[in-house]
Amino acid sequence: MTTTSHPVAAGPGWRVDDVICTAGPHDRPFEERHDSICIAVVTEGSFRYRTTQGSAVLAPGALLLGNHCQCFECGHEHGVGDRCLSFRFAPEFLEGVLAVVPGARQLAFPVPRLPPLLSLVPVIAASEAARDAGDAAELEERALQLAGSVAAALVDARTDAAAPSRRDHQRVATALRRIETDAHESLSLVALAREAAMSPYHFLRTFRAVVGMTPHQFVLRTRLHRAAVQLHRSNEGVSDIALANGFNDLSTFNRRFRRLTGKTPTAYRAAAARR
């Protein structure tokens, strides 16, 4: 076997795999089939991808596009190996995304790939970071953002999305209150969207337009802010504060807290005490 696939994250209608291929010029391509709709981010190496939609050479930053049940071949005539972050979607999952992307009404991809686009750099970089951190919640949001970005790029939608309506503002406000109350609990994007009576993609996009960050980012910010306040105000142990604010892994809490403040929780508390 020249290809190994490692599951990274999954949810209703979507999954993400880390796919590593070691094939080279002496390995003969063979026909494969997509078992779902696929958007794969090439993160390392290059290869030729052939489908009924055409043939293309894919390099880091490019997006491989695969239709459900479509046959394809990958060849490595010019180098050895590649690595892709493969996002796979059920048709009904993508239908919810396409419904709110202007001009996007077709599930089937008309081309085999999208070239590296500057507009996709942020979501691709964030997806790779989430893969390396094993952050399933982050990857769920990135899966939705990537699907929407690809749909928009394919229809070349240049018009700005309509401003959130008053009803959308109300729905997001309700979600904010829910997060404020239960930030320490597990709050999935799907559950928040369901409570807001919106599709996950529409909720994610609307929430970001209203709040300026995604729901996952807001939950993290809320948890870290509360932890910082507790470090100031109490003598509780760092691990107890982490657990009380929804962080089940102390190393994850330490890493995220340091990224936010530039200090470890212990150093932060010591600096606060000196002040």
Protein backbone atom coordinates (compact mmCIF):
# COMPACT_ATOMS: atom_id res chain seq x y z
CA MET A 1 0.00 0.00 0.00
CA THR A 2 1.33 3.42 -0.97
CA THR A 3 -1.46 5.40 0.71
CA THR A 4 -2.46 5.50 4.36
CA SER A 5 -5.43 7.42 5.72
CA HIS A 6 -5.61 8.51 9.35
CA PRO A 7 -8.99 9.72 10.69
CA VAL A 8 -8.68 13.13 12.36
CA ALA A 9 -12.25 14.23 13.09
CA ALA A 10 -15.82 13.41 12.08
CA GLY A 11 -19.40 14.46 12.61
CA PRO A 12 -22.86 14.07 11.04
CA GLY A 13 -22.32 14.26 7.28
CA TRP A 14 -18.60 15.11 7.34
CA ARG A 15 -15.21 13.68 8.20
CA VAL A 16 -11.57 14.72 7.94
CA ASP A 17 -8.68 12.38 7.17
CA ASP A 18 -4.93 12.94 7.08
CA VAL A 19 -3.90 11.11 3.88
CA ILE A 20 -0.23 10.30 3.27
CA CYS A 21 0.97 8.79 -0.01
CA THR A 22 4.47 7.39 -0.63
CA ALA A 23 4.08 6.58 -4.35
CA GLY A 24 6.77 7.64 -6.81
CA PRO A 25 7.59 7.61 -10.55
CA HIS A 26 7.96 3.82 -10.62
CA ASP A 27 4.53 3.17 -9.13
CA ARG A 28 1.80 2.64 -11.69
CA PRO A 29 -1.39 4.65 -11.12
CA PHE A 30 -4.56 2.65 -10.48
CA GLU A 31 -8.21 3.56 -10.58
CA GLU A 32 -9.89 4.58 -7.32
CA ARG A 33 -13.33 5.89 -6.45
CA HIS A 34 -14.49 8.69 -4.17
CA ASP A 35 -16.89 7.29 -1.57
CA SER A 36 -18.26 10.78 -0.86
CA ILE A 37 -17.89 14.37 -2.02
CA CYS A 38 -14.25 15.28 -1.44
CA ILE A 39 -12.32 18.52 -1.00
CA ALA A 40 -8.70 17.67 -0.24
CA VAL A 41 -6.12 20.30 0.68
CA VAL A 42 -2.66 19.42 -0.63
CA THR A 43 -0.23 20.22 2.19
CA GLU A 44 2.94 18.50 0.94
CA GLY A 45 4.27 17.13 -2.35
CA SER A 46 2.73 17.24 -5.80
CA PHE A 47 0.95 14.78 -8.08
CA ARG A 48 -1.24 14.50 -11.17
CA TYR A 49 -4.94 14.00 -10.60
CA ARG A 50 -7.17 12.61 -13.36
CA THR A 51 -10.98 12.47 -13.41
CA THR A 52 -13.76 12.68 -15.98
CA GLN A 53 -13.70 16.45 -15.37
CA GLY A 54 -10.11 16.67 -16.60
CA SER A 55 -6.51 16.35 -15.48
CA ALA A 56 -4.44 18.68 -13.31
CA VAL A 57 -1.17 18.83 -11.43
CA LEU A 58 -1.76 19.54 -7.76
CA ALA A 59 0.83 21.23 -5.54
CA PRO A 60 0.72 22.50 -1.94
CA GLY A 61 -2.17 24.91 -1.49
CA ALA A 62 -4.25 23.43 -4.31
CA LEU A 63 -7.60 21.78 -3.67
CA LEU A 64 -8.47 18.39 -5.10
CA LEU A 65 -12.19 18.21 -5.94
CA GLY A 66 -13.95 14.86 -6.14
CA ASN A 67 -17.58 14.06 -6.85
CA HIS A 68 -19.50 11.30 -5.11
CA CYS A 69 -18.83 7.85 -6.68
CA GLN A 70 -16.48 9.42 -9.25
CA CYS A 71 -13.50 7.36 -10.42
CA PHE A 72 -10.05 8.93 -10.44
CA GLU A 73 -6.31 8.26 -10.71
CA CYS A 74 -3.34 9.89 -9.01
CA GLY A 75 0.13 9.70 -10.56
CA HIS A 76 3.53 10.75 -9.26
CA GLU A 77 5.51 11.05 -12.46
CA HIS A 78 7.62 13.94 -11.15
CA GLY A 79 8.26 13.19 -7.51
CA VAL A 80 7.73 10.92 -4.54
CA GLY A 81 4.86 11.20 -2.11
CA ASP A 82 2.32 13.77 -0.99
CA ARG A 83 0.13 14.61 1.97
CA CYS A 84 -3.45 15.86 1.90
CA LEU A 85 -5.99 16.95 4.46
CA SER A 86 -9.10 15.35 3.04
CA PHE A 87 -12.53 16.78 3.88
CA ARG A 88 -15.36 14.42 2.89
CA PHE A 89 -19.01 15.39 2.83
CA ALA A 90 -22.35 13.68 2.46
CA PRO A 91 -24.50 15.27 -0.30
CA GLU A 92 -27.14 16.45 2.18
CA PHE A 93 -24.45 18.19 4.26
CA LEU A 94 -23.25 20.22 1.27
CA GLU A 95 -26.80 21.04 0.24
CA GLY A 96 -27.13 23.07 3.44
CA VAL A 97 -23.98 25.01 2.53
CA LEU A 98 -24.90 25.62 -1.11
CA ALA A 99 -28.31 26.92 -0.11
CA VAL A 100 -26.77 30.11 1.32
CA VAL A 101 -23.91 30.66 -1.17
CA PRO A 102 -24.99 33.08 -3.96
CA GLY A 103 -25.11 31.30 -7.30
CA ALA A 104 -24.14 27.88 -5.94
CA ARG A 105 -26.84 25.37 -6.79
CA GLN A 106 -24.95 22.37 -8.17
CA LEU A 107 -23.48 19.62 -5.99
CA ALA A 108 -21.18 18.21 -8.70
CA PHE A 109 -17.81 19.91 -9.14
CA PRO A 110 -17.30 21.00 -12.78
CA VAL A 111 -13.48 20.99 -12.51
CA PRO A 112 -10.97 18.58 -10.94
CA ARG A 113 -9.21 21.16 -8.78
CA LEU A 114 -8.89 24.71 -7.58
CA PRO A 115 -5.41 26.28 -7.76
CA PRO A 116 -3.80 27.81 -4.67
CA LEU A 117 -5.86 30.95 -4.00
CA LEU A 118 -4.90 33.76 -1.64
CA SER A 119 -8.49 33.95 -0.45
CA LEU A 120 -8.26 30.37 0.84
CA VAL A 121 -4.96 30.77 2.73
CA PRO A 122 -6.53 31.60 6.13
CA VAL A 123 -8.92 28.64 6.22
CA ILE A 124 -6.29 26.23 4.89
CA ALA A 125 -3.67 27.37 7.40
CA ALA A 126 -6.16 27.11 10.24
CA SER A 127 -7.19 23.64 9.05
CA GLU A 128 -3.59 22.41 9.10
CA ALA A 129 -3.03 23.83 12.57
CA ALA A 130 -6.22 22.16 13.80
CA ARG A 131 -5.10 18.86 12.27
CA ASP A 132 -1.74 19.05 14.05
CA ALA A 133 -3.44 19.92 17.33
CA GLY A 134 -6.12 17.25 16.92
CA ASP A 135 -8.78 19.93 17.45
CA ALA A 136 -12.05 18.34 16.28
CA ALA A 137 -14.24 21.36 17.15
CA GLU A 138 -12.01 23.66 15.12
CA LEU A 139 -12.03 21.24 12.18
CA GLU A 140 -15.82 21.16 12.13
CA GLU A 141 -15.88 24.91 11.59
CA ARG A 142 -13.09 24.73 9.03
CA ALA A 143 -14.95 22.02 7.11
CA LEU A 144 -17.96 24.32 6.79
CA GLN A 145 -15.85 27.34 5.89
CA LEU A 146 -13.86 25.40 3.30
CA ALA A 147 -17.00 24.01 1.65
CA GLY A 148 -18.53 27.47 1.47
CA SER A 149 -15.30 29.06 0.19
CA VAL A 150 -14.94 26.46 -2.56
CA ALA A 151 -18.57 26.90 -3.61
CA ALA A 152 -18.12 30.67 -3.76
CA ALA A 153 -14.85 30.37 -5.70
CA LEU A 154 -16.43 28.05 -8.27
CA VAL A 155 -19.25 30.46 -9.04
CA ASP A 156 -16.89 33.44 -8.79
CA ALA A 157 -19.29 35.19 -6.43
CA ARG A 158 -17.94 38.73 -6.07
CA THR A 159 -20.97 40.28 -4.42
CA ASP A 160 -20.88 40.76 -0.69
CA ALA A 161 -23.25 38.70 1.39
CA ALA A 162 -26.31 40.55 2.64
CA ALA A 163 -25.96 42.13 6.06
CA PRO A 164 -27.42 40.02 8.86
CA SER A 165 -31.11 40.72 9.39
CA ARG A 166 -32.70 41.78 12.64
CA ARG A 167 -33.89 38.20 13.09
CA ASP A 168 -30.33 36.94 12.57
CA HIS A 169 -29.09 39.36 15.22
CA GLN A 170 -31.70 38.02 17.62
CA ARG A 171 -30.69 34.45 16.95
CA VAL A 172 -27.01 35.20 17.49
CA ALA A 173 -27.81 37.12 20.67
CA THR A 174 -29.64 34.06 22.00
CA ALA A 175 -26.63 31.88 21.11
CA LEU A 176 -24.32 34.33 22.90
CA ARG A 177 -26.38 34.09 26.03
CA ARG A 178 -26.31 30.32 25.81
CA ILE A 179 -22.53 30.37 25.53
CA GLU A 180 -22.20 32.85 28.37
CA THR A 181 -24.26 30.57 30.60
CA ASP A 182 -22.75 27.23 29.59
CA ALA A 183 -19.27 28.02 28.22
CA HIS A 184 -17.78 25.35 30.47
CA GLU A 185 -19.91 22.67 28.81
CA SER A 186 -19.45 20.99 25.43
CA LEU A 187 -21.23 23.27 22.95
CA SER A 188 -21.15 21.89 19.42
CA LEU A 189 -21.71 24.03 16.36
CA VAL A 190 -24.55 21.75 15.25
CA ALA A 191 -26.35 22.07 18.60
CA LEU A 192 -26.03 25.87 18.66
CA ALA A 193 -27.26 26.10 15.07
CA ARG A 194 -30.20 23.82 15.83
CA GLU A 195 -31.22 25.98 18.78
CA ALA A 196 -31.03 29.03 16.52
CA ALA A 197 -33.17 27.24 13.87
CA MET A 198 -30.44 27.75 11.25
CA SER A 199 -28.28 25.48 9.12
CA PRO A 200 -24.75 25.03 10.58
CA TYR A 201 -23.11 26.91 7.70
CA HIS A 202 -25.60 29.81 7.80
CA PHE A 203 -25.25 30.02 11.58
CA LEU A 204 -21.44 29.98 11.39
CA ARG A 205 -21.37 32.70 8.74
CA THR A 206 -23.98 34.86 10.48
CA PHE A 207 -22.37 34.48 13.90
CA ARG A 208 -19.01 35.57 12.52
CA ALA A 209 -20.57 38.55 10.72
CA VAL A 210 -22.30 39.69 13.90
CA VAL A 211 -19.66 38.86 16.53
CA GLY A 212 -16.43 39.14 14.56
CA MET A 213 -15.29 35.60 15.39
CA THR A 214 -16.60 32.07 15.05
CA PRO A 215 -18.64 30.35 17.79
CA HIS A 216 -15.69 28.09 18.66
CA GLN A 217 -13.37 31.09 18.99
CA PHE A 218 -15.91 32.88 21.16
CA VAL A 219 -16.31 29.86 23.44
CA LEU A 220 -12.52 29.64 23.84
CA ARG A 221 -12.23 33.36 24.48
CA THR A 222 -14.97 33.18 27.13
CA ARG A 223 -13.33 30.22 28.87
CA LEU A 224 -9.86 31.77 28.83
CA HIS A 225 -11.17 35.12 30.05
CA ARG A 226 -12.92 33.50 32.97
CA ALA A 227 -9.84 31.45 33.79
CA ALA A 228 -7.71 34.61 33.79
CA VAL A 229 -10.15 36.28 36.16
CA GLN A 230 -10.05 33.27 38.48
CA LEU A 231 -6.26 33.27 38.44
CA HIS A 232 -6.42 36.87 39.59
CA ARG A 233 -9.10 36.40 42.21
CA SER A 234 -8.58 32.99 43.77
CA ASN A 235 -5.92 30.62 45.07
CA GLU A 236 -7.43 27.57 43.37
CA GLY A 237 -5.02 25.25 41.60
CA VAL A 238 -4.40 25.80 37.90
CA SER A 239 -5.74 22.35 37.05
CA ASP A 240 -8.94 23.01 39.02
CA ILE A 241 -9.48 26.29 37.18
CA ALA A 242 -8.87 24.59 33.85
CA LEU A 243 -11.42 21.87 34.59
CA ALA A 244 -13.99 24.34 35.90
CA ASN A 245 -13.82 26.24 32.62
CA GLY A 246 -14.24 23.28 30.29
CA PHE A 247 -10.62 22.32 29.63
CA ASN A 248 -10.25 18.61 30.25
CA ASP A 249 -6.60 18.61 29.23
CA LEU A 250 -4.20 20.74 31.28
CA SER A 251 -1.55 20.93 28.56
CA THR A 252 -4.16 22.24 26.08
CA PHE A 253 -5.25 24.87 28.60
CA ASN A 254 -1.64 25.94 29.24
CA ARG A 255 -0.90 26.19 25.52
CA ARG A 256 -4.01 28.19 24.68
CA PHE A 257 -3.59 30.48 27.70
CA ARG A 258 0.02 31.22 26.82
CA ARG A 259 -0.94 31.92 23.21
CA LEU A 260 -3.50 34.44 24.44
CA THR A 261 -1.50 36.20 27.17
CA GLY A 262 2.13 35.40 26.39
CA LYS A 263 2.52 33.76 29.82
CA THR A 264 1.77 30.41 31.39
CA PRO A 265 -1.11 30.43 33.89
CA THR A 266 1.36 30.19 36.80
CA ALA A 267 3.48 33.06 35.49
CA TYR A 268 0.34 35.09 34.81
CA ARG A 269 -0.86 34.59 38.38
CA ALA A 270 2.56 35.55 39.77
CA ALA A 271 2.66 38.71 37.65
CA ALA A 272 -0.87 39.59 38.75
CA ALA A 273 0.10 39.11 42.39
CA ARG A 274 3.12 41.44 41.96
CA ARG A 275 0.91 44.11 40.46
